[in-house]
Amino acid sequence: MNTITRILAEVHEKLRSCDDGVVADYIPELSTVDPELFGISLTTPDGHTHTVGDSDASFTIQSVSKAFVYGLVLDAVGAEATE
């Protein structure tokens, strides 16, 4: 196991029993998610992907997508145009 995957595995092991919070039910798709699923994936700039846990499980990204869309907009039109 390489260093990055080992560190991800350690973090996963430390946090996998955390059961704080509740499953969101204000969006129907979110209410169907198994709260026991927990995975971590990391892709390095050179394209190597490291995964642990339930990383193969499909999920809906909801508001997380906003950060990626903002990054695309910054790249396309620049910071001044987004103020």
Protein backbone atom coordinates (compact mmCIF):
# COMPACT_ATOMS: atom_id res chain seq x y z
CA MET A 1 0.00 0.00 0.00
CA ASN A 2 1.49 3.36 -0.98
CA THR A 3 1.77 6.28 1.44
CA ILE A 4 -1.28 8.21 0.19
CA THR A 5 -3.57 5.18 0.32
CA ARG A 6 -2.21 4.26 3.76
CA ILE A 7 -2.99 7.75 5.10
CA LEU A 8 -6.48 7.68 3.55
CA ALA A 9 -7.05 4.25 5.14
CA GLU A 10 -6.01 5.61 8.54
CA VAL A 11 -8.39 8.56 8.22
CA HIS A 12 -11.17 6.26 7.03
CA GLU A 13 -10.66 3.90 9.97
CA LYS A 14 -10.63 6.80 12.45
CA LEU A 15 -13.82 8.40 11.10
CA ARG A 16 -15.95 5.52 9.81
CA SER A 17 -17.82 5.06 13.07
CA CYS A 18 -18.90 8.72 13.22
CA ASP A 19 -22.68 8.80 13.05
CA ASP A 20 -23.33 12.48 13.83
CA GLY A 21 -26.16 14.15 11.99
CA VAL A 22 -29.16 12.81 10.15
CA VAL A 23 -29.90 11.76 6.59
CA ALA A 24 -31.30 14.73 4.67
CA ASP A 25 -34.88 14.21 3.57
CA TYR A 26 -35.67 17.55 1.92
CA ILE A 27 -34.53 16.15 -1.44
CA PRO A 28 -36.06 12.72 -2.17
CA GLU A 29 -32.85 11.29 -3.67
CA LEU A 30 -30.93 12.15 -0.51
CA SER A 31 -33.39 10.33 1.74
CA THR A 32 -32.62 7.01 0.03
CA VAL A 33 -28.88 7.04 0.80
CA ASP A 34 -27.53 4.37 3.14
CA PRO A 35 -25.99 6.34 6.05
CA GLU A 36 -23.50 3.52 6.66
CA LEU A 37 -21.70 4.19 3.36
CA PHE A 38 -18.39 6.01 3.71
CA GLY A 39 -15.59 6.24 1.20
CA ILE A 40 -12.71 8.54 0.44
CA SER A 41 -11.21 9.13 -3.00
CA LEU A 42 -8.33 11.38 -3.91
CA THR A 43 -6.89 12.02 -7.36
CA THR A 44 -3.45 13.56 -7.58
CA PRO A 45 -2.51 16.15 -10.22
CA ASP A 46 -0.67 13.44 -12.17
CA GLY A 47 -3.89 11.41 -12.47
CA HIS A 48 -3.38 8.67 -9.89
CA THR A 49 -6.54 7.87 -7.94
CA HIS A 50 -6.45 6.47 -4.41
CA THR A 51 -9.62 5.09 -2.82
CA VAL A 52 -10.70 3.47 0.43
CA GLY A 53 -14.03 2.30 1.82
CA ASP A 54 -17.24 2.61 -0.19
CA SER A 55 -15.70 4.75 -2.93
CA ASP A 56 -17.47 2.81 -5.67
CA ALA A 57 -20.93 3.69 -4.34
CA SER A 58 -22.91 6.11 -6.50
CA PHE A 59 -24.12 9.29 -4.86
CA THR A 60 -25.69 12.62 -5.68
CA ILE A 61 -23.39 15.62 -5.30
CA GLN A 62 -26.04 18.32 -4.74
CA SER A 63 -24.49 21.61 -3.55
CA VAL A 64 -20.93 20.31 -3.73
CA SER A 65 -21.19 20.87 -7.47
CA LYS A 66 -21.38 24.64 -6.94
CA ALA A 67 -17.67 24.88 -6.12
CA PHE A 68 -16.74 23.06 -9.33
CA VAL A 69 -19.06 25.18 -11.45
CA TYR A 70 -17.60 28.33 -9.89
CA GLY A 71 -14.10 27.10 -10.77
CA LEU A 72 -15.18 26.55 -14.38
CA VAL A 73 -16.69 30.05 -14.52
CA LEU A 74 -13.52 31.60 -13.07
CA ASP A 75 -11.47 29.81 -15.68
CA ALA A 76 -13.80 30.84 -18.52
CA VAL A 77 -14.41 34.52 -17.73
CA GLY A 78 -12.02 35.52 -14.92
CA ALA A 79 -12.47 36.71 -11.36
CA GLU A 80 -13.53 40.26 -12.21
CA ALA A 81 -16.54 39.02 -14.17
CA THR A 82 -17.76 36.95 -11.22
CA GLU A 83 -17.87 39.74 -8.63
